[in-house]
Protein backbone atom coordinates (compact mmCIF):
# COMPACT_ATOMS: atom_id res chain seq x y z
CA UNK A 1 21.88 57.12 -7.89
CA UNK A 2 20.11 54.99 -10.63
CA UNK A 3 21.43 51.66 -9.21
CA UNK A 4 20.12 52.59 -5.62
CA UNK A 5 16.66 53.24 -7.25
CA UNK A 6 16.83 49.82 -8.81
CA UNK A 7 17.68 48.13 -5.75
CA UNK A 8 15.06 50.05 -3.94
CA UNK A 9 12.46 48.95 -6.62
CA UNK A 10 13.33 45.28 -6.45
CA UNK A 11 13.44 45.45 -2.66
CA UNK A 12 10.04 46.91 -2.59
CA UNK A 13 8.72 44.09 -5.08
CA UNK A 14 10.16 41.33 -2.63
CA UNK A 15 8.39 42.98 0.29
CA UNK A 16 5.11 43.36 -1.63
CA UNK A 17 5.40 39.45 -2.80
CA UNK A 18 6.08 38.39 0.83
CA UNK A 19 3.19 40.41 1.96
CA UNK A 20 0.90 38.76 -0.51
CA UNK A 21 2.22 35.32 0.59
CA UNK A 22 1.55 36.24 4.18
CA UNK A 23 -2.20 37.05 3.31
CA UNK A 24 -2.68 33.53 1.72
CA UNK A 25 -3.07 30.39 3.80
CA UNK A 26 -3.53 26.83 2.94
CA UNK A 27 -6.41 24.87 5.03
CA UNK A 28 -7.78 21.41 4.73
CA UNK A 29 -11.54 21.11 4.08
CA UNK A 30 -13.47 17.82 4.88
CA UNK A 31 -17.07 17.57 3.99
CA UNK A 32 -19.83 16.72 1.59
CA UNK A 33 -20.59 18.16 -1.69
CA UNK A 34 -23.88 20.05 -1.67
CA UNK A 35 -23.70 21.51 -5.32
CA UNK A 36 -21.75 22.36 -8.31
CA UNK A 37 -22.58 25.38 -10.15
CA UNK A 38 -19.73 25.87 -13.07
CA UNK A 39 -16.40 26.64 -11.36
CA UNK A 40 -17.96 26.89 -7.86
CA UNK A 41 -17.90 23.73 -5.57
CA UNK A 42 -20.46 24.01 -2.67
CA UNK A 43 -19.47 21.93 0.42
CA UNK A 44 -21.02 21.43 3.78
CA UNK A 45 -17.98 20.92 6.05
CA UNK A 46 -17.82 18.43 8.66
CA UNK A 47 -18.18 21.34 11.20
CA UNK A 48 -21.59 22.52 9.65
CA UNK A 49 -19.98 25.52 7.55
CA UNK A 50 -21.38 26.00 4.00
CA UNK A 51 -18.38 26.66 1.90
CA UNK A 52 -17.82 27.70 -1.67
CA UNK A 53 -14.62 26.49 -3.30
CA UNK A 54 -13.48 28.02 -6.53
CA UNK A 55 -12.29 25.38 -9.09
CA UNK A 56 -9.39 26.67 -11.39
CA UNK A 57 -7.64 25.26 -14.23
CA UNK A 58 -4.95 23.35 -12.52
CA UNK A 59 -7.32 22.04 -9.56
CA UNK A 60 -6.47 18.50 -9.50
CA UNK A 61 -9.02 15.65 -8.73
CA UNK A 62 -8.45 11.89 -7.53
CA UNK A 63 -11.04 9.55 -6.22
CA UNK A 64 -10.43 7.30 -3.29
CA UNK A 65 -10.04 3.44 -3.59
CA UNK A 66 -9.87 1.01 -0.96
CA UNK A 67 -6.97 -1.13 -0.60
CA UNK A 68 -5.56 -3.57 2.06
CA UNK A 69 -2.44 -3.66 4.03
CA UNK A 70 -1.28 -6.68 1.97
CA UNK A 71 -1.35 -4.37 -1.17
CA UNK A 72 1.42 -2.20 0.39
CA UNK A 73 4.92 -3.18 -0.58
CA UNK A 74 8.26 -2.49 1.24
CA UNK A 75 9.28 1.24 0.02
CA UNK A 76 6.00 2.34 -0.80
CA UNK A 77 5.33 6.02 0.23
CA UNK A 78 2.42 6.34 2.62
CA UNK A 79 0.78 8.73 5.15
CA UNK A 80 -0.84 7.40 8.36
CA UNK A 81 -3.02 9.29 10.91
CA UNK A 82 -2.42 7.89 14.16
CA UNK A 83 -3.42 8.43 17.94
CA UNK A 84 -1.02 7.76 20.77
CA UNK A 85 -2.80 5.39 23.55
CA UNK A 86 -1.80 6.17 27.07
CA UNK A 87 1.03 3.44 27.18
CA UNK A 88 2.64 5.19 24.15
CA UNK A 89 1.73 2.99 21.18
CA UNK A 90 0.60 4.68 18.12
CA UNK A 91 -2.51 3.31 16.69
CA UNK A 92 -3.61 4.04 13.09
CA UNK A 93 -6.91 5.79 12.24
CA UNK A 94 -6.21 5.46 8.67
CA UNK A 95 -3.58 4.72 6.10
CA UNK A 96 -3.16 6.02 2.55
CA UNK A 97 -0.78 6.01 -0.27
CA UNK A 98 0.94 9.52 -1.15
CA UNK A 99 3.00 11.23 -3.75
CA UNK A 100 6.65 11.66 -3.18
CA UNK A 101 6.25 15.23 -3.55
CA UNK A 102 4.61 15.38 -0.21
CA UNK A 103 7.21 16.28 2.59
CA UNK A 104 8.24 13.35 4.80
CA UNK A 105 8.18 13.37 8.66
CA UNK A 106 5.92 13.03 11.75
CA UNK A 107 4.11 15.85 13.08
CA UNK A 108 0.43 16.98 14.32
CA UNK A 109 -2.59 16.66 12.32
CA UNK A 110 -6.11 17.81 12.37
CA UNK A 111 -8.28 14.76 11.67
CA UNK A 112 -9.07 14.53 15.26
CA UNK A 113 -7.72 16.01 18.67
CA UNK A 114 -4.26 14.70 19.52
CA UNK A 115 -3.88 13.12 15.95
CA UNK A 116 -0.39 13.01 14.33
CA UNK A 117 0.47 12.22 10.72
CA UNK A 118 3.54 10.09 9.64
CA UNK A 119 4.51 10.52 5.96
CA UNK A 120 7.11 7.85 5.30
CA UNK A 121 8.40 4.73 3.59
CA UNK A 122 7.18 1.54 4.50
CA UNK A 123 9.95 -0.43 6.38
CA UNK A 124 8.23 -3.41 7.61
CA UNK A 125 4.76 -5.01 8.07
CA UNK A 126 4.64 -7.49 10.77
CA UNK A 127 2.19 -9.63 12.84
CA UNK A 128 2.43 -9.01 16.43
CA UNK A 129 0.60 -10.25 19.52
CA UNK A 130 -1.40 -6.85 19.40
CA UNK A 131 -2.26 -7.21 15.82
CA UNK A 132 -0.38 -6.03 12.61
CA UNK A 133 2.26 -3.36 12.97
CA UNK A 134 3.53 -1.05 10.17
CA UNK A 135 6.98 0.42 10.58
CA UNK A 136 7.38 3.69 8.77
CA UNK A 137 10.87 5.27 8.26
CA UNK A 138 11.55 8.70 7.19
CA UNK A 139 14.83 10.90 7.14
CA UNK A 140 15.04 11.96 10.82
CA UNK A 141 13.13 8.65 12.30
CA UNK A 142 11.05 5.62 12.57
CA UNK A 143 7.48 5.05 13.83
CA UNK A 144 5.97 1.90 14.69
CA UNK A 145 2.02 2.04 14.22
CA UNK A 146 -0.36 -0.38 15.21
CA UNK A 147 -3.00 -1.25 12.42
CA UNK A 148 -6.21 -2.63 14.01
CA UNK A 149 -8.52 -5.06 11.98
CA UNK A 150 -11.00 -2.55 10.03
CA UNK A 151 -8.60 0.40 9.80
CA UNK A 152 -9.57 2.31 6.50
CA UNK A 153 -6.59 1.86 4.02
CA UNK A 154 -6.91 3.82 0.81
CA UNK A 155 -5.16 5.01 -2.27
CA UNK A 156 -6.34 7.29 -4.98
CA UNK A 157 -7.10 6.94 -8.85
CA UNK A 158 -7.11 9.75 -11.46
CA UNK A 159 -10.49 11.47 -11.86
CA UNK A 160 -11.92 14.51 -13.08
CA UNK A 161 -14.72 17.03 -12.39
CA UNK A 162 -17.33 14.64 -13.44
CA UNK A 163 -16.67 13.03 -9.98
CA UNK A 164 -17.68 15.98 -8.05
CA UNK A 165 -21.63 15.39 -7.61
CA UNK A 166 -23.69 16.27 -4.66
CA UNK A 167 -23.85 13.84 -1.90
CA UNK A 168 -20.05 12.60 -2.37
CA UNK A 169 -17.58 13.06 0.56
CA UNK A 170 -14.25 15.43 -0.36
CA UNK A 171 -11.08 16.07 1.23
CA UNK A 172 -9.64 19.23 -0.04
CA UNK A 173 -6.52 21.27 0.06
CA UNK A 174 -7.63 24.93 -0.51
CA UNK A 175 -5.97 28.34 -0.67
CA UNK A 176 -7.55 31.17 1.42
CA UNK A 177 -7.10 34.49 -0.02
CA UNK A 178 -6.79 37.89 2.01
CA UNK A 179 -10.35 38.68 1.19
CA UNK A 180 -11.59 35.00 2.34
CA UNK A 181 -12.16 33.44 -1.05
CA UNK A 182 -11.33 29.63 -1.19
CA UNK A 183 -9.57 28.13 -4.18
CA UNK A 184 -9.38 24.42 -4.37
CA UNK A 185 -5.87 23.20 -5.26
CA UNK A 186 -6.21 19.37 -4.80
CA UNK A 187 -9.34 17.33 -4.08
CA UNK A 188 -9.94 13.77 -3.14
CA UNK A 189 -13.52 12.56 -3.52
CA UNK A 190 -15.28 9.42 -2.53
CA UNK A 191 -16.14 6.85 -5.02
CA UNK A 192 -18.18 3.70 -4.62
CA UNK A 193 -18.61 4.37 -1.03
CA UNK A 194 -14.99 4.83 -0.29
CA UNK A 195 -13.93 8.16 1.36
CA UNK A 196 -10.61 9.88 1.55
CA UNK A 197 -9.60 8.64 4.85
CA UNK A 198 -7.40 11.27 6.12
């Protein structure tokens, strides 16, 4: 009987943990900083909402830095938001370097309607009749993405909370609790006019 009680107890704990996880979701926030008050970052989102994001001890901050396609090397791990043209060609909206902790693959993204995100290794950079083409290779496939002149290409450099000032643009991964409270997990912030592109 004692073993049954223990099993039931740990089963209940597992269910409670699963329920708690289900009540938390991660969202992406894009917008402009309007205020910083202690551990609260106020952001006017791109759709006009006034959001308050809680900063915690493990909130990471990085600043955007512009690079060029020539700065990328074969094997670099990057992400690229793209849109598919009617003829089927993928055209980059932006390209950015990413950490290898970010899962690789190709799937829907929310930068704009119909956009896709490809996280993969740089396999090839070529000049074609239509412009520069980036071949991205990941475990389950390959995507060829046309990169027009003027496409934002960026990396990030380490930053801290002193970079978070009103007027700067941010791209934030935030956790939304069951009560609606938002906690900033990772923040990319603009610097010297260079915005986080994704």
